[in-house]
Amino acid sequence: MQAYCFKCRKKVDIKNAERVTLKNGKPATRGVCPVCGTKVFRIGKG
């Protein structure tokens, strides 16, 4: 799965991807950018 890294300014593959649920019940994926180490986040099922 990919997410947009705001530091690298491009889409990257999510490293250490972890499924989470938002407060409103929607699914999301949280992880780390493999290039710079910044946290990345993607809303939606994956």
N, C-alpha and C. Protein backbone atom coordinates (compact mmCIF):
# COMPACT_ATOMS: atom_id res chain seq x y z
N MET A 1 0.84 -1.18 0.00
CA MET A 1 0.00 0.00 0.00
C MET A 1 0.89 1.24 0.00
N GLN A 2 0.40 2.28 -0.63
CA GLN A 2 1.16 3.52 -0.71
C GLN A 2 0.44 4.66 -0.01
N ALA A 3 1.23 5.63 0.43
CA ALA A 3 0.69 6.84 1.04
C ALA A 3 1.56 8.01 0.58
N TYR A 4 1.04 9.22 0.69
CA TYR A 4 1.79 10.40 0.29
C TYR A 4 2.66 10.89 1.44
N CYS A 5 3.96 11.04 1.18
CA CYS A 5 4.89 11.58 2.18
C CYS A 5 5.03 13.08 1.93
N PHE A 6 4.69 13.89 2.91
CA PHE A 6 4.75 15.33 2.75
C PHE A 6 6.18 15.87 2.77
N LYS A 7 7.08 15.14 3.37
CA LYS A 7 8.48 15.57 3.42
C LYS A 7 9.18 15.28 2.09
N CYS A 8 8.95 14.07 1.53
CA CYS A 8 9.55 13.69 0.25
C CYS A 8 8.75 14.26 -0.93
N ARG A 9 7.50 14.63 -0.67
CA ARG A 9 6.58 15.14 -1.68
C ARG A 9 6.33 14.15 -2.81
N LYS A 10 6.13 12.88 -2.45
CA LYS A 10 5.79 11.86 -3.43
C LYS A 10 5.13 10.69 -2.73
N LYS A 11 4.52 9.80 -3.51
CA LYS A 11 3.91 8.60 -2.96
C LYS A 11 4.99 7.57 -2.68
N VAL A 12 4.92 6.95 -1.52
CA VAL A 12 5.90 5.94 -1.12
C VAL A 12 5.17 4.72 -0.56
N ASP A 13 5.83 3.57 -0.59
CA ASP A 13 5.28 2.37 0.03
C ASP A 13 5.36 2.53 1.55
N ILE A 14 4.32 2.11 2.24
CA ILE A 14 4.28 2.25 3.69
C ILE A 14 5.12 1.15 4.34
N LYS A 15 6.04 1.55 5.20
CA LYS A 15 6.86 0.61 5.95
C LYS A 15 6.26 0.47 7.35
N ASN A 16 6.27 -0.73 7.90
CA ASN A 16 5.68 -1.02 9.22
C ASN A 16 4.21 -0.61 9.26
N ALA A 17 3.47 -0.99 8.21
CA ALA A 17 2.05 -0.62 8.11
C ALA A 17 1.24 -1.24 9.24
N GLU A 18 0.33 -0.45 9.78
CA GLU A 18 -0.49 -0.86 10.91
C GLU A 18 -1.91 -0.35 10.67
N ARG A 19 -2.89 -1.24 10.75
CA ARG A 19 -4.28 -0.84 10.58
C ARG A 19 -4.79 -0.19 11.85
N VAL A 20 -5.48 0.93 11.68
CA VAL A 20 -6.06 1.65 12.81
C VAL A 20 -7.50 2.03 12.46
N THR A 21 -8.26 2.40 13.45
CA THR A 21 -9.63 2.87 13.26
C THR A 21 -9.74 4.29 13.79
N LEU A 22 -10.29 5.17 12.98
CA LEU A 22 -10.45 6.55 13.39
C LEU A 22 -11.61 6.68 14.38
N LYS A 23 -11.73 7.85 14.99
CA LYS A 23 -12.78 8.09 15.98
C LYS A 23 -14.18 7.90 15.40
N ASN A 24 -14.33 8.23 14.11
CA ASN A 24 -15.64 8.09 13.48
C ASN A 24 -15.90 6.68 12.95
N GLY A 25 -14.96 5.75 13.20
CA GLY A 25 -15.16 4.36 12.82
C GLY A 25 -14.59 3.97 11.47
N LYS A 26 -14.03 4.92 10.73
CA LYS A 26 -13.46 4.61 9.41
C LYS A 26 -12.10 3.94 9.56
N PRO A 27 -11.78 3.01 8.66
CA PRO A 27 -10.48 2.36 8.72
C PRO A 27 -9.38 3.25 8.12
N ALA A 28 -8.14 3.05 8.58
CA ALA A 28 -7.01 3.80 8.07
C ALA A 28 -5.74 2.96 8.24
N THR A 29 -4.67 3.39 7.59
CA THR A 29 -3.38 2.71 7.70
C THR A 29 -2.33 3.73 8.10
N ARG A 30 -1.51 3.35 9.07
CA ARG A 30 -0.48 4.25 9.59
C ARG A 30 0.85 3.53 9.45
N GLY A 31 1.91 4.28 9.15
CA GLY A 31 3.22 3.67 9.01
C GLY A 31 4.32 4.71 8.92
N VAL A 32 5.44 4.30 8.30
CA VAL A 32 6.62 5.15 8.22
C VAL A 32 7.10 5.19 6.78
N CYS A 33 7.62 6.33 6.33
CA CYS A 33 8.21 6.47 5.01
C CYS A 33 9.56 5.76 5.00
N PRO A 34 9.81 4.85 4.04
CA PRO A 34 11.08 4.13 4.02
C PRO A 34 12.27 5.02 3.61
N VAL A 35 12.00 6.17 2.99
CA VAL A 35 13.07 7.04 2.52
C VAL A 35 13.58 7.97 3.62
N CYS A 36 12.64 8.69 4.27
CA CYS A 36 13.05 9.71 5.24
C CYS A 36 12.68 9.39 6.69
N GLY A 37 11.80 8.40 6.91
CA GLY A 37 11.43 8.02 8.27
C GLY A 37 10.28 8.81 8.85
N THR A 38 9.65 9.66 8.06
CA THR A 38 8.51 10.45 8.53
C THR A 38 7.28 9.57 8.63
N LYS A 39 6.38 9.88 9.57
CA LYS A 39 5.13 9.14 9.69
C LYS A 39 4.25 9.46 8.49
N VAL A 40 3.64 8.41 7.91
CA VAL A 40 2.69 8.58 6.83
C VAL A 40 1.36 7.94 7.22
N PHE A 41 0.28 8.40 6.61
CA PHE A 41 -1.06 8.01 7.01
C PHE A 41 -1.96 7.96 5.79
N ARG A 42 -2.79 6.94 5.71
CA ARG A 42 -3.73 6.84 4.59
C ARG A 42 -5.08 6.40 5.12
N ILE A 43 -6.10 7.16 4.77
CA ILE A 43 -7.47 6.83 5.18
C ILE A 43 -8.07 5.90 4.14
N GLY A 44 -8.78 4.90 4.59
CA GLY A 44 -9.45 3.97 3.69
C GLY A 44 -8.99 2.55 3.94
N LYS A 45 -9.79 1.63 3.42
CA LYS A 45 -9.50 0.22 3.59
C LYS A 45 -8.30 -0.18 2.73
N GLY A 46 -7.45 -1.04 3.27
CA GLY A 46 -6.30 -1.41 2.48
C GLY A 46 -5.78 -2.73 2.68
